[in-house]
Protein backbone atom coordinates (compact mmCIF):
# COMPACT_ATOMS: atom_id res chain seq x y z
CA UNK A 1 45.29 -5.07 200.82
CA UNK A 2 42.80 -7.89 200.13
CA UNK A 3 42.48 -10.73 202.62
CA UNK A 4 43.23 -14.03 200.90
CA UNK A 5 41.05 -15.83 203.44
CA UNK A 6 38.00 -14.03 202.01
CA UNK A 7 38.82 -14.59 198.35
CA UNK A 8 36.49 -16.92 196.44
CA UNK A 9 37.49 -20.57 196.18
CA UNK A 10 38.62 -21.30 192.64
CA UNK A 11 39.08 -25.06 192.95
CA UNK A 12 36.19 -27.49 192.85
CA UNK A 13 35.71 -29.45 196.08
CA UNK A 14 33.63 -32.60 196.25
CA UNK A 15 33.66 -34.66 199.43
CA UNK A 16 33.21 -38.41 199.47
CA UNK A 17 29.94 -39.90 200.63
CA UNK A 18 28.74 -43.44 201.27
CA UNK A 19 27.36 -43.57 197.74
CA UNK A 20 30.92 -43.03 196.44
CA UNK A 21 32.17 -46.18 198.20
CA UNK A 22 32.74 -49.42 196.31
CA UNK A 23 33.97 -52.72 197.76
CA UNK A 24 35.68 -55.46 195.76
CA UNK A 25 36.86 -58.93 196.76
CA UNK A 26 40.11 -60.13 195.23
CA UNK A 27 42.76 -62.79 195.80
CA UNK A 28 45.69 -61.76 197.99
CA UNK A 29 48.04 -61.87 194.99
CA UNK A 30 45.77 -59.74 192.76
CA UNK A 31 47.71 -56.55 193.48
CA UNK A 32 50.75 -58.19 191.87
CA UNK A 33 49.19 -60.43 189.25
CA UNK A 34 46.26 -58.28 188.21
CA UNK A 35 43.79 -61.02 189.05
CA UNK A 36 40.05 -60.75 188.82
CA UNK A 37 37.90 -58.77 191.24
CA UNK A 38 34.26 -59.13 192.18
CA UNK A 39 32.20 -56.09 193.12
CA UNK A 40 30.13 -56.53 196.27
CA UNK A 41 27.09 -54.73 194.91
CA UNK A 42 24.90 -55.50 197.97
CA UNK A 43 27.25 -53.70 200.40
CA UNK A 44 25.47 -51.67 203.08
CA UNK A 45 28.28 -50.65 205.46
CA UNK A 46 31.95 -51.33 206.07
CA UNK A 47 34.03 -50.26 209.06
CA UNK A 48 37.52 -51.23 210.13
CA UNK A 49 40.06 -50.33 212.76
CA UNK A 50 43.85 -50.57 212.52
CA UNK A 51 45.67 -50.65 215.83
CA UNK A 52 49.00 -51.51 217.45
CA UNK A 53 49.14 -53.45 220.68
CA UNK A 54 52.04 -51.35 221.97
CA UNK A 55 52.30 -50.81 225.72
CA UNK A 56 54.41 -48.50 227.90
CA UNK A 57 57.54 -49.79 229.63
CA UNK A 58 58.32 -48.30 233.05
CA UNK A 59 61.61 -48.25 234.86
CA UNK A 60 61.76 -49.30 238.51
CA UNK A 61 60.29 -46.51 240.62
CA UNK A 62 59.57 -44.34 237.60
CA UNK A 63 56.06 -42.75 237.43
CA UNK A 64 56.45 -41.99 233.72
CA UNK A 65 57.18 -44.64 231.13
CA UNK A 66 60.58 -44.58 229.51
CA UNK A 67 59.55 -46.05 226.15
CA UNK A 68 56.90 -48.21 224.55
CA UNK A 69 57.40 -51.62 223.03
CA UNK A 70 56.96 -52.21 219.31
CA UNK A 71 53.67 -54.12 219.65
CA UNK A 72 51.74 -56.00 216.99
CA UNK A 73 49.52 -54.67 214.21
CA UNK A 74 45.95 -55.91 214.08
CA UNK A 75 43.18 -54.87 211.73
CA UNK A 76 39.62 -55.69 212.71
CA UNK A 77 36.38 -54.70 211.08
CA UNK A 78 32.84 -55.45 210.03
CA UNK A 79 30.93 -55.47 206.78
CA UNK A 80 27.17 -55.53 206.42
CA UNK A 81 25.56 -56.89 203.26
CA UNK A 82 21.94 -56.75 202.12
CA UNK A 83 20.57 -60.24 202.62
CA UNK A 84 19.56 -61.80 199.30
CA UNK A 85 21.18 -65.23 199.52
CA UNK A 86 23.03 -66.97 202.34
CA UNK A 87 25.88 -67.90 199.98
CA UNK A 88 26.32 -64.44 198.43
CA UNK A 89 29.70 -63.64 200.03
CA UNK A 90 30.84 -67.27 200.09
CA UNK A 91 30.40 -67.54 196.33
CA UNK A 92 32.28 -64.29 195.63
CA UNK A 93 35.25 -65.19 197.83
CA UNK A 94 35.55 -68.73 196.46
CA UNK A 95 35.42 -67.44 192.90
CA UNK A 96 38.37 -65.06 193.27
CA UNK A 97 40.48 -67.25 195.57
CA UNK A 98 40.03 -70.75 194.15
CA UNK A 99 37.86 -70.34 191.08
CA UNK A 100 35.35 -72.57 192.89
CA UNK A 101 31.71 -71.51 192.70
CA UNK A 102 30.00 -74.60 194.04
CA UNK A 103 28.69 -74.38 197.59
CA UNK A 104 28.94 -77.11 200.20
CA UNK A 105 25.25 -77.81 199.61
CA UNK A 106 25.87 -78.59 195.93
CA UNK A 107 28.77 -80.89 196.85
CA UNK A 108 26.49 -82.66 199.30
CA UNK A 109 23.84 -83.16 196.60
CA UNK A 110 26.45 -84.52 194.21
CA UNK A 111 27.50 -87.06 196.82
CA UNK A 112 23.90 -88.14 197.42
CA UNK A 113 23.26 -88.51 193.69
CA UNK A 114 26.39 -90.61 193.32
CA UNK A 115 25.18 -92.88 196.12
CA UNK A 116 22.09 -93.74 194.07
CA UNK A 117 24.20 -95.06 191.20
CA UNK A 118 25.84 -98.47 191.22
CA UNK A 119 28.78 -98.65 193.63
CA UNK A 120 30.46 -101.08 196.00
CA UNK A 121 29.67 -101.13 199.71
CA UNK A 122 32.95 -99.39 200.57
CA UNK A 123 32.35 -96.69 197.96
CA UNK A 124 28.81 -96.16 199.19
CA UNK A 125 30.01 -95.85 202.78
CA UNK A 126 32.70 -93.35 201.77
CA UNK A 127 30.17 -91.26 199.82
CA UNK A 128 27.74 -91.38 202.75
CA UNK A 129 30.45 -90.16 205.15
CA UNK A 130 31.34 -87.38 202.70
CA UNK A 131 27.69 -86.28 202.50
CA UNK A 132 27.36 -86.32 206.30
CA UNK A 133 30.54 -84.26 206.62
CA UNK A 134 29.14 -81.75 204.11
CA UNK A 135 25.99 -81.58 206.24
CA UNK A 136 28.09 -80.60 209.25
CA UNK A 137 30.13 -78.02 207.33
CA UNK A 138 27.05 -76.47 205.77
CA UNK A 139 25.82 -75.61 209.25
CA UNK A 140 28.64 -73.06 209.44
CA UNK A 141 29.44 -71.05 206.33
CA UNK A 142 32.42 -69.54 208.16
CA UNK A 143 34.21 -72.89 207.89
CA UNK A 144 33.32 -72.94 204.20
CA UNK A 145 35.26 -69.73 203.49
CA UNK A 146 38.87 -69.68 202.23
CA UNK A 147 41.41 -67.80 204.32
CA UNK A 148 43.31 -64.71 203.23
CA UNK A 149 41.80 -62.62 200.49
CA UNK A 150 41.73 -58.84 200.03
CA UNK A 151 38.99 -56.27 200.39
CA UNK A 152 39.66 -53.42 197.95
CA UNK A 153 37.84 -50.27 199.06
CA UNK A 154 37.53 -47.66 196.32
CA UNK A 155 36.28 -44.08 196.77
CA UNK A 156 35.26 -42.39 193.56
CA UNK A 157 32.92 -39.37 193.32
CA UNK A 158 33.32 -38.77 189.59
CA UNK A 159 30.21 -37.43 187.87
CA UNK A 160 29.31 -35.51 184.73
CA UNK A 161 30.55 -32.26 186.29
CA UNK A 162 33.63 -33.52 188.08
CA UNK A 163 36.46 -35.89 187.14
CA UNK A 164 37.98 -37.77 190.03
CA UNK A 165 41.05 -39.89 190.68
CA UNK A 166 39.93 -42.92 192.66
CA UNK A 167 41.24 -43.25 196.20
CA UNK A 168 41.94 -46.87 197.11
CA UNK A 169 42.54 -48.75 200.34
CA UNK A 170 43.42 -52.46 200.32
CA UNK A 171 42.61 -54.49 203.43
CA UNK A 172 45.07 -57.33 203.02
CA UNK A 173 44.75 -61.00 203.95
CA UNK A 174 41.26 -60.94 205.41
CA UNK A 175 39.81 -63.78 207.44
CA UNK A 176 36.11 -63.87 208.32
CA UNK A 177 35.58 -64.72 212.00
CA UNK A 178 31.83 -64.53 212.51
CA UNK A 179 28.55 -63.75 210.83
CA UNK A 180 25.08 -62.86 211.98
CA UNK A 181 21.68 -62.05 210.55
CA UNK A 182 19.50 -59.70 212.55
CA UNK A 183 15.86 -59.03 211.75
CA UNK A 184 13.32 -57.11 213.79
CA UNK A 185 9.56 -57.13 213.23
CA UNK A 186 9.40 -53.56 214.56
CA UNK A 187 11.66 -52.22 211.79
CA UNK A 188 10.85 -51.83 208.12
CA UNK A 189 14.42 -51.72 206.77
CA UNK A 190 16.05 -54.55 204.81
CA UNK A 191 17.58 -57.59 206.49
CA UNK A 192 21.40 -57.48 206.54
CA UNK A 193 24.07 -60.11 207.03
CA UNK A 194 26.97 -58.86 209.15
CA UNK A 195 30.47 -60.33 209.01
CA UNK A 196 33.30 -59.61 211.47
CA UNK A 197 36.83 -60.01 210.16
CA UNK A 198 40.51 -59.56 210.95
CA UNK A 199 43.29 -58.72 208.49
CA UNK A 200 47.07 -58.31 208.37
CA UNK A 201 47.29 -54.68 207.27
CA UNK A 202 45.70 -51.77 205.41
CA UNK A 203 47.75 -50.36 202.52
């Protein structure tokens, strides 16, 4: 009687690789409204962790816990993007969330240009304060980012030999917490910008 474990595999198997990974930025309501998405074509890596802050509850004098509390869900992660422009991610997020594509720097320049035109003293002072405030904000692009957008992570290994149904994960209501650029003269690889984020859930 033939052993099924030794029979040849008749179904085509194709595992996902990093080259099959695509990341999109979208507004939080896009899943419902079908809003626009922007492909992050400079993505290098993405990693995230979903955890529950549950903890064991012990009875008095009991060495083993009786139950665990419900806890809170937290999603944390990091994305790394090839550095081409300091406003690359800022521009993409603003476009899908608010439709705004101007950076703080451009708003600052608009304020300075307006100051050169005829205006009253009070108007000039207000424009000057606005430009100075933009100077402060432009020092931190984290403050320049809108809150709560989605990362849509799509895995698709379709090619000319194999049709695939895309596998999708949505990291909902993301907020960027920090960013960093690391460059080393001893390495020859590209410079990346890394962003750390938290989110509400992964669906």
